[in-house]
Amino acid sequence: QVQLVESGGGLVQPGGSLRLSCAASGSIFGFNAMGWYRQAPGKQRELVAGITRGGRTNYADSVQGRFTISRDNAKNTVYLQMNSLKPEDTAVYYCNAKLVVLGINNEFDYWGQGTQVTVSS
């Protein structure tokens, strides 16, 4: 059973920084991709940042240059460093892990519980 536990959310002033952590119950190396999504009230859940098994990263245009996704395989943890935060970044942030299993012709998505990030003065 895959468990993803998020931490690091909270209240921060505009222009401030936060680092989110997502600790997995097992090795993250087996996942094809890890990522961070966010969802604000009344808004569609969107991909914020992703990282593949091979280390390729991608970011939403709205966070490019401000957010950085990284991982520590030894600690089975994925991070999201968020700098220059804006009120528009306020949302619940979710950790995601994707596992593609070709042998059973399926793929699986695992989600953390979500952590609230509020950017306000």
C-alpha atoms as a PDB file:
ATOM      1  CA  GLN A   1       0.000   0.000   0.000  1.00  0.00           C
ATOM      2  CA  VAL A   2       1.351   3.396  -1.005  1.00  0.00           C
ATOM      3  CA  GLN A   3       1.072   6.221   1.469  1.00  0.00           C
ATOM      4  CA  LEU A   4       2.043   9.815   0.790  1.00  0.00           C
ATOM      5  CA  VAL A   5       2.309  12.177   3.725  1.00  0.00           C
ATOM      6  CA  GLU A   6       2.574  15.889   3.078  1.00  0.00           C
ATOM      7  CA  SER A   7       3.826  18.626   5.324  1.00  0.00           C
ATOM      8  CA  GLY A   8       5.065  22.186   5.193  1.00  0.00           C
ATOM      9  CA  GLY A   9       1.927  24.126   4.388  1.00  0.00           C
ATOM     10  CA  GLY A  10       0.842  27.170   6.292  1.00  0.00           C
ATOM     11  CA  LEU A  11       0.286  30.886   6.192  1.00  0.00           C
ATOM     12  CA  VAL A  12       2.886  33.080   4.553  1.00  0.00           C
ATOM     13  CA  GLN A  13       3.040  36.699   3.443  1.00  0.00           C
ATOM     14  CA  PRO A  14       3.244  37.646  -0.223  1.00  0.00           C
ATOM     15  CA  GLY A  15       6.820  37.398  -1.392  1.00  0.00           C
ATOM     16  CA  GLY A  16       7.621  34.777   1.193  1.00  0.00           C
ATOM     17  CA  SER A  17       8.711  31.178   0.803  1.00  0.00           C
ATOM     18  CA  LEU A  18       7.585  27.735   1.855  1.00  0.00           C
ATOM     19  CA  ARG A  19       8.917  24.259   1.267  1.00  0.00           C
ATOM     20  CA  LEU A  20       6.476  21.398   1.002  1.00  0.00           C
ATOM     21  CA  SER A  21       7.535  17.834   1.664  1.00  0.00           C
ATOM     22  CA  CYS A  22       5.954  14.581   0.539  1.00  0.00           C
ATOM     23  CA  ALA A  23       7.220  11.471   2.274  1.00  0.00           C
ATOM     24  CA  ALA A  24       6.373   8.137   0.689  1.00  0.00           C
ATOM     25  CA  SER A  25       5.955   4.889   2.571  1.00  0.00           C
ATOM     26  CA  GLY A  26       8.331   3.128   0.212  1.00  0.00           C
ATOM     27  CA  SER A  27      10.911   3.803  -2.433  1.00  0.00           C
ATOM     28  CA  ILE A  28       9.892   6.506  -4.869  1.00  0.00           C
ATOM     29  CA  PHE A  29      12.264   5.217  -7.505  1.00  0.00           C
ATOM     30  CA  GLY A  30       9.666   2.752  -8.733  1.00  0.00           C
ATOM     31  CA  PHE A  31       7.208   5.492  -9.642  1.00  0.00           C
ATOM     32  CA  ASN A  32       7.242   6.752 -13.178  1.00  0.00           C
ATOM     33  CA  ALA A  33       6.578  10.288 -12.016  1.00  0.00           C
ATOM     34  CA  MET A  34       5.984  12.339  -8.914  1.00  0.00           C
ATOM     35  CA  GLY A  35       4.328  15.697  -8.797  1.00  0.00           C
ATOM     36  CA  TRP A  36       2.520  18.431  -6.988  1.00  0.00           C
ATOM     37  CA  TYR A  37      -0.983  19.556  -7.813  1.00  0.00           C
ATOM     38  CA  ARG A  38      -3.026  22.322  -6.298  1.00  0.00           C
ATOM     39  CA  GLN A  39      -6.691  23.157  -6.108  1.00  0.00           C
ATOM     40  CA  ALA A  40      -8.287  26.403  -5.037  1.00  0.00           C
ATOM     41  CA  PRO A  41     -11.990  26.690  -4.173  1.00  0.00           C
ATOM     42  CA  GLY A  42     -14.057  26.720  -7.328  1.00  0.00           C
ATOM     43  CA  LYS A  43     -11.026  25.998  -9.479  1.00  0.00           C
ATOM     44  CA  GLN A  44      -9.850  22.980 -11.413  1.00  0.00           C
ATOM     45  CA  ARG A  45      -7.064  20.967  -9.896  1.00  0.00           C
ATOM     46  CA  GLU A  46      -3.903  21.758 -11.800  1.00  0.00           C
ATOM     47  CA  LEU A  47      -0.454  20.319 -12.096  1.00  0.00           C
ATOM     48  CA  VAL A  48       2.062  22.629 -10.495  1.00  0.00           C
ATOM     49  CA  ALA A  49       5.269  20.687 -10.969  1.00  0.00           C
ATOM     50  CA  GLY A  50       6.309  17.193 -11.918  1.00  0.00           C
ATOM     51  CA  ILE A  51       9.443  15.107 -11.988  1.00  0.00           C
ATOM     52  CA  THR A  52       9.955  11.829 -13.824  1.00  0.00           C
ATOM     53  CA  ARG A  53      11.957   8.820 -12.764  1.00  0.00           C
ATOM     54  CA  GLY A  54      14.723  10.052 -15.021  1.00  0.00           C
ATOM     55  CA  GLY A  55      14.759  13.489 -13.436  1.00  0.00           C
ATOM     56  CA  ARG A  56      12.974  15.482 -16.095  1.00  0.00           C
ATOM     57  CA  THR A  57      10.927  18.306 -14.592  1.00  0.00           C
ATOM     58  CA  ASN A  58       8.062  20.417 -15.790  1.00  0.00           C
ATOM     59  CA  TYR A  59       6.205  23.356 -14.305  1.00  0.00           C
ATOM     60  CA  ALA A  60       3.015  25.251 -14.789  1.00  0.00           C
ATOM     61  CA  ASP A  61       3.623  28.555 -16.517  1.00  0.00           C
ATOM     62  CA  SER A  62       2.233  30.383 -13.512  1.00  0.00           C
ATOM     63  CA  VAL A  63       4.959  29.066 -11.212  1.00  0.00           C
ATOM     64  CA  GLN A  64       7.879  28.804 -13.612  1.00  0.00           C
ATOM     65  CA  GLY A  65      10.916  30.465 -12.131  1.00  0.00           C
ATOM     66  CA  ARG A  66       9.424  30.619  -8.654  1.00  0.00           C
ATOM     67  CA  PHE A  67       8.853  26.977  -7.714  1.00  0.00           C
ATOM     68  CA  THR A  68      11.308  24.103  -7.799  1.00  0.00           C
ATOM     69  CA  ILE A  69      10.525  20.418  -7.485  1.00  0.00           C
ATOM     70  CA  SER A  70      13.189  18.065  -6.233  1.00  0.00           C
ATOM     71  CA  ARG A  71      13.533  14.649  -4.679  1.00  0.00           C
ATOM     72  CA  ASP A  72      15.694  12.710  -2.307  1.00  0.00           C
ATOM     73  CA  ASN A  73      15.488   9.055  -3.230  1.00  0.00           C
ATOM     74  CA  ALA A  74      17.343   7.981  -0.114  1.00  0.00           C
ATOM     75  CA  LYS A  75      14.679   9.645   2.018  1.00  0.00           C
ATOM     76  CA  ASN A  76      11.803   8.678  -0.284  1.00  0.00           C
ATOM     77  CA  THR A  77      10.746  12.291  -0.272  1.00  0.00           C
ATOM     78  CA  VAL A  78       9.725  14.830  -2.882  1.00  0.00           C
ATOM     79  CA  TYR A  79       9.929  18.546  -2.195  1.00  0.00           C
ATOM     80  CA  LEU A  80       8.382  21.659  -3.601  1.00  0.00           C
ATOM     81  CA  GLN A  81      10.292  24.835  -2.881  1.00  0.00           C
ATOM     82  CA  MET A  82       8.007  27.813  -3.346  1.00  0.00           C
ATOM     83  CA  ASN A  83       9.520  31.274  -3.535  1.00  0.00           C
ATOM     84  CA  SER A  84       8.085  34.702  -4.266  1.00  0.00           C
ATOM     85  CA  LEU A  85       4.673  33.489  -3.251  1.00  0.00           C
ATOM     86  CA  LYS A  86       1.615  35.342  -4.449  1.00  0.00           C
ATOM     87  CA  PRO A  87      -1.959  35.406  -3.148  1.00  0.00           C
ATOM     88  CA  GLU A  88      -2.925  33.524  -6.309  1.00  0.00           C
ATOM     89  CA  ASP A  89      -0.860  30.592  -5.062  1.00  0.00           C
ATOM     90  CA  THR A  90      -3.321  30.030  -2.230  1.00  0.00           C
ATOM     91  CA  ALA A  91      -4.684  26.505  -2.563  1.00  0.00           C
ATOM     92  CA  VAL A  92      -4.589  23.015  -1.175  1.00  0.00           C
ATOM     93  CA  TYR A  93      -1.471  21.333  -2.478  1.00  0.00           C
ATOM     94  CA  TYR A  94      -1.478  17.599  -3.150  1.00  0.00           C
ATOM     95  CA  CYS A  95       1.380  15.217  -3.678  1.00  0.00           C
ATOM     96  CA  ASN A  96       0.924  12.713  -6.481  1.00  0.00           C
ATOM     97  CA  ALA A  97       2.711   9.545  -7.501  1.00  0.00           C
ATOM     98  CA  LYS A  98       2.091   7.761 -10.770  1.00  0.00           C
ATOM     99  CA  LEU A  99       2.826   4.115 -11.370  1.00  0.00           C
ATOM    100  CA  VAL A 100       2.535   2.656 -14.845  1.00  0.00           C
ATOM    101  CA  VAL A 101       2.204  -1.113 -14.899  1.00  0.00           C
ATOM    102  CA  LEU A 102       2.371  -2.302 -18.463  1.00  0.00           C
ATOM    103  CA  GLY A 103       2.052  -5.940 -17.469  1.00  0.00           C
ATOM    104  CA  ILE A 104      -1.547  -5.401 -16.377  1.00  0.00           C
ATOM    105  CA  ASN A 105      -2.260  -2.626 -18.857  1.00  0.00           C
ATOM    106  CA  ASN A 106      -3.003  -0.058 -16.204  1.00  0.00           C
ATOM    107  CA  GLU A 107      -1.671   2.928 -14.346  1.00  0.00           C
ATOM    108  CA  PHE A 108      -2.215   4.052 -10.795  1.00  0.00           C
ATOM    109  CA  ASP A 109      -2.293   7.453  -9.180  1.00  0.00           C
ATOM    110  CA  TYR A 110      -1.669   7.885  -5.490  1.00  0.00           C
ATOM    111  CA  TRP A 111      -2.460  11.055  -3.603  1.00  0.00           C
ATOM    112  CA  GLY A 112      -1.480  12.660  -0.379  1.00  0.00           C
ATOM    113  CA  GLN A 113      -3.997  14.157   1.998  1.00  0.00           C
ATOM    114  CA  GLY A 114      -3.288  17.705   0.899  1.00  0.00           C
ATOM    115  CA  THR A 115      -1.750  20.607   2.749  1.00  0.00           C
ATOM    116  CA  GLN A 116      -3.148  24.118   2.850  1.00  0.00           C
ATOM    117  CA  VAL A 117      -1.025  26.983   1.597  1.00  0.00           C
ATOM    118  CA  THR A 118      -2.359  30.456   2.261  1.00  0.00           C
ATOM    119  CA  VAL A 119      -0.572  33.530   0.959  1.00  0.00           C
ATOM    120  CA  SER A 120      -1.929  36.639   2.596  1.00  0.00           C
ATOM    121  CA  SER A 121      -0.809  39.718   4.445  1.00  0.00           C
END
